[in-house]
Amino acid sequence: MVETYAPEQQNQRILAIALAAVLFGAAGAFAKLLFTVRVSPLDLTAIRTIVALLVFALFLMATSRSSWLQARPCQSFWRPA
């Protein structure tokens, strides 16, 4: 079964794929630039992780704002005996 999408969804998917390809390609060049100014691989990994966290948080806030605003009961991992 082939799924069909609305044209605006198709355009969003193509844009997302193109953006992912550009960012993936730029990652190596950015890493090489940082290595030339003596950034260690461990520091680079930390930088990439923090940037990814910020990008994903902004994306989630922009796309599913209602899930951030819902009041949820606290479900603690440790429950008193």
N, C-alpha and C. Protein backbone atom coordinates (compact mmCIF):
# COMPACT_ATOMS: atom_id res chain seq x y z
N MET A 1 0.84 -1.18 0.00
CA MET A 1 0.00 0.00 0.00
C MET A 1 0.89 1.24 0.00
N VAL A 2 0.64 2.13 -0.90
CA VAL A 2 1.41 3.37 -1.02
C VAL A 2 0.64 4.49 -0.33
N GLU A 3 1.31 5.19 0.57
CA GLU A 3 0.67 6.30 1.25
C GLU A 3 0.85 7.58 0.45
N THR A 4 -0.19 8.37 0.41
CA THR A 4 -0.11 9.66 -0.26
C THR A 4 -0.20 10.76 0.79
N TYR A 5 0.49 11.84 0.54
CA TYR A 5 0.54 12.96 1.47
C TYR A 5 0.06 14.22 0.77
N ALA A 6 -0.43 15.15 1.57
CA ALA A 6 -0.80 16.45 1.04
C ALA A 6 0.45 17.13 0.51
N PRO A 7 0.30 17.99 -0.50
CA PRO A 7 1.49 18.65 -1.08
C PRO A 7 2.34 19.40 -0.06
N GLU A 8 1.71 20.06 0.92
CA GLU A 8 2.52 20.79 1.90
C GLU A 8 3.31 19.84 2.79
N GLN A 9 2.77 18.66 3.07
CA GLN A 9 3.52 17.66 3.84
C GLN A 9 4.69 17.14 3.01
N GLN A 10 4.47 16.94 1.73
CA GLN A 10 5.53 16.46 0.85
C GLN A 10 6.67 17.49 0.79
N ASN A 11 6.32 18.76 0.69
CA ASN A 11 7.34 19.82 0.65
C ASN A 11 8.11 19.89 1.96
N GLN A 12 7.42 19.71 3.09
CA GLN A 12 8.10 19.73 4.38
C GLN A 12 9.07 18.56 4.50
N ARG A 13 8.67 17.42 4.00
CA ARG A 13 9.55 16.24 4.06
C ARG A 13 10.79 16.44 3.20
N ILE A 14 10.62 16.98 2.02
CA ILE A 14 11.76 17.22 1.13
C ILE A 14 12.69 18.26 1.75
N LEU A 15 12.13 19.31 2.34
CA LEU A 15 12.93 20.34 2.99
C LEU A 15 13.70 19.76 4.18
N ALA A 16 13.05 18.90 4.96
CA ALA A 16 13.72 18.28 6.11
C ALA A 16 14.88 17.39 5.66
N ILE A 17 14.69 16.64 4.58
CA ILE A 17 15.75 15.77 4.06
C ILE A 17 16.92 16.62 3.55
N ALA A 18 16.61 17.69 2.84
CA ALA A 18 17.67 18.55 2.32
C ALA A 18 18.44 19.23 3.45
N LEU A 19 17.72 19.69 4.47
CA LEU A 19 18.38 20.32 5.62
C LEU A 19 19.27 19.32 6.35
N ALA A 20 18.79 18.09 6.52
CA ALA A 20 19.59 17.07 7.18
C ALA A 20 20.87 16.78 6.39
N ALA A 21 20.76 16.73 5.08
CA ALA A 21 21.94 16.48 4.24
C ALA A 21 22.96 17.62 4.36
N VAL A 22 22.48 18.84 4.36
CA VAL A 22 23.38 19.99 4.47
C VAL A 22 24.07 20.00 5.83
N LEU A 23 23.30 19.76 6.89
CA LEU A 23 23.89 19.75 8.23
C LEU A 23 24.89 18.60 8.40
N PHE A 24 24.57 17.44 7.84
CA PHE A 24 25.48 16.31 7.92
C PHE A 24 26.79 16.63 7.19
N GLY A 25 26.68 17.26 6.04
CA GLY A 25 27.88 17.63 5.29
C GLY A 25 28.70 18.71 5.98
N ALA A 26 28.02 19.64 6.63
CA ALA A 26 28.72 20.73 7.31
C ALA A 26 29.39 20.27 8.60
N ALA A 27 28.93 19.17 9.17
CA ALA A 27 29.48 18.70 10.45
C ALA A 27 30.97 18.39 10.34
N GLY A 28 31.38 17.75 9.26
CA GLY A 28 32.79 17.41 9.08
C GLY A 28 33.66 18.64 8.91
N ALA A 29 33.18 19.59 8.13
CA ALA A 29 33.95 20.82 7.92
C ALA A 29 34.05 21.62 9.22
N PHE A 30 32.98 21.66 9.98
CA PHE A 30 32.99 22.37 11.26
C PHE A 30 33.94 21.68 12.24
N ALA A 31 33.93 20.34 12.26
CA ALA A 31 34.83 19.61 13.14
C ALA A 31 36.29 19.87 12.77
N LYS A 32 36.58 19.87 11.48
CA LYS A 32 37.95 20.13 11.04
C LYS A 32 38.40 21.53 11.44
N LEU A 33 37.51 22.49 11.33
CA LEU A 33 37.82 23.85 11.74
C LEU A 33 38.14 23.90 13.23
N LEU A 34 37.35 23.22 14.04
CA LEU A 34 37.59 23.21 15.48
C LEU A 34 38.88 22.47 15.84
N PHE A 35 39.20 21.42 15.10
CA PHE A 35 40.43 20.69 15.38
C PHE A 35 41.66 21.56 15.09
N THR A 36 41.55 22.47 14.13
CA THR A 36 42.70 23.33 13.81
C THR A 36 42.96 24.36 14.91
N VAL A 37 41.95 24.66 15.71
CA VAL A 37 42.15 25.57 16.84
C VAL A 37 42.30 24.80 18.15
N ARG A 38 42.69 23.54 18.02
CA ARG A 38 43.05 22.67 19.13
C ARG A 38 41.90 22.35 20.09
N VAL A 39 40.74 22.04 19.54
CA VAL A 39 39.62 21.53 20.34
C VAL A 39 39.75 20.02 20.33
N SER A 40 39.69 19.41 21.50
CA SER A 40 39.87 17.96 21.58
C SER A 40 38.60 17.24 21.09
N PRO A 41 38.74 16.00 20.66
CA PRO A 41 37.56 15.23 20.23
C PRO A 41 36.50 15.11 21.33
N LEU A 42 36.93 15.01 22.57
CA LEU A 42 35.97 14.93 23.68
C LEU A 42 35.19 16.24 23.81
N ASP A 43 35.90 17.36 23.71
CA ASP A 43 35.21 18.65 23.75
C ASP A 43 34.26 18.82 22.57
N LEU A 44 34.67 18.36 21.40
CA LEU A 44 33.82 18.45 20.22
C LEU A 44 32.55 17.62 20.42
N THR A 45 32.69 16.45 21.01
CA THR A 45 31.52 15.62 21.29
C THR A 45 30.57 16.31 22.25
N ALA A 46 31.12 16.96 23.26
CA ALA A 46 30.28 17.69 24.22
C ALA A 46 29.57 18.86 23.54
N ILE A 47 30.28 19.57 22.69
CA ILE A 47 29.67 20.70 21.96
C ILE A 47 28.55 20.22 21.07
N ARG A 48 28.78 19.14 20.33
CA ARG A 48 27.75 18.61 19.44
C ARG A 48 26.53 18.13 20.21
N THR A 49 26.74 17.53 21.38
CA THR A 49 25.63 17.05 22.19
C THR A 49 24.80 18.21 22.73
N ILE A 50 25.45 19.24 23.21
CA ILE A 50 24.73 20.40 23.75
C ILE A 50 23.96 21.12 22.65
N VAL A 51 24.57 21.29 21.50
CA VAL A 51 23.88 21.94 20.39
C VAL A 51 22.67 21.10 19.95
N ALA A 52 22.82 19.78 19.87
CA ALA A 52 21.70 18.92 19.50
C ALA A 52 20.58 19.01 20.51
N LEU A 53 20.92 19.05 21.79
CA LEU A 53 19.91 19.19 22.84
C LEU A 53 19.12 20.48 22.66
N LEU A 54 19.81 21.57 22.42
CA LEU A 54 19.14 22.86 22.24
C LEU A 54 18.25 22.87 20.99
N VAL A 55 18.75 22.30 19.90
CA VAL A 55 17.97 22.27 18.66
C VAL A 55 16.71 21.41 18.85
N PHE A 56 16.86 20.24 19.46
CA PHE A 56 15.69 19.37 19.67
C PHE A 56 14.69 20.01 20.63
N ALA A 57 15.18 20.68 21.66
CA ALA A 57 14.27 21.34 22.61
C ALA A 57 13.49 22.45 21.92
N LEU A 58 14.16 23.25 21.11
CA LEU A 58 13.47 24.30 20.36
C LEU A 58 12.45 23.72 19.39
N PHE A 59 12.84 22.63 18.73
CA PHE A 59 11.93 21.97 17.79
C PHE A 59 10.68 21.46 18.51
N LEU A 60 10.87 20.82 19.64
CA LEU A 60 9.73 20.31 20.39
C LEU A 60 8.84 21.43 20.92
N MET A 61 9.46 22.50 21.37
CA MET A 61 8.66 23.63 21.86
C MET A 61 7.85 24.26 20.73
N ALA A 62 8.42 24.28 19.53
CA ALA A 62 7.73 24.91 18.40
C ALA A 62 6.64 24.01 17.83
N THR A 63 6.86 22.70 17.82
CA THR A 63 5.91 21.80 17.16
C THR A 63 4.86 21.22 18.09
N SER A 64 5.18 21.00 19.33
CA SER A 64 4.19 20.41 20.24
C SER A 64 4.14 21.19 21.54
N ARG A 65 3.78 22.44 21.40
CA ARG A 65 3.75 23.33 22.56
C ARG A 65 2.76 22.87 23.61
N SER A 66 1.67 22.25 23.19
CA SER A 66 0.65 21.82 24.15
C SER A 66 1.19 20.75 25.09
N SER A 67 2.09 19.91 24.62
CA SER A 67 2.63 18.86 25.49
C SER A 67 3.54 19.45 26.57
N TRP A 68 4.13 20.61 26.33
CA TRP A 68 4.96 21.27 27.33
C TRP A 68 4.11 21.96 28.39
N LEU A 69 2.89 22.33 28.02
CA LEU A 69 2.04 23.09 28.92
C LEU A 69 1.09 22.23 29.75
N GLN A 70 0.99 20.94 29.45
CA GLN A 70 0.09 20.07 30.19
C GLN A 70 0.61 19.82 31.59
N ALA A 71 -0.31 19.86 32.55
CA ALA A 71 0.07 19.54 33.93
C ALA A 71 0.07 18.03 34.06
N ARG A 72 1.17 17.50 34.53
CA ARG A 72 1.30 16.05 34.69
C ARG A 72 1.61 15.73 36.13
N PRO A 73 1.01 14.67 36.66
CA PRO A 73 1.34 14.28 38.03
C PRO A 73 2.78 13.79 38.11
N CYS A 74 3.40 14.05 39.23
CA CYS A 74 4.77 13.62 39.44
C CYS A 74 4.79 12.11 39.63
N GLN A 75 5.53 11.42 38.79
CA GLN A 75 5.66 9.98 38.91
C GLN A 75 7.12 9.68 39.23
N SER A 76 7.37 9.53 40.50
CA SER A 76 8.73 9.33 40.95
C SER A 76 9.15 7.88 40.72
N PHE A 77 10.43 7.71 40.39
CA PHE A 77 10.97 6.37 40.21
C PHE A 77 11.04 5.64 41.54
N TRP A 78 11.45 6.36 42.57
CA TRP A 78 11.56 5.77 43.90
C TRP A 78 10.26 6.00 44.65
N ARG A 79 9.60 4.93 44.99
CA ARG A 79 8.34 5.04 45.71
C ARG A 79 8.56 4.64 47.17
N PRO A 80 7.99 5.37 48.08
CA PRO A 80 8.16 4.99 49.50
C PRO A 80 7.49 3.65 49.79
N ALA A 81 8.09 2.90 50.69
CA ALA A 81 7.57 1.57 51.01
C ALA A 81 6.37 1.64 51.94
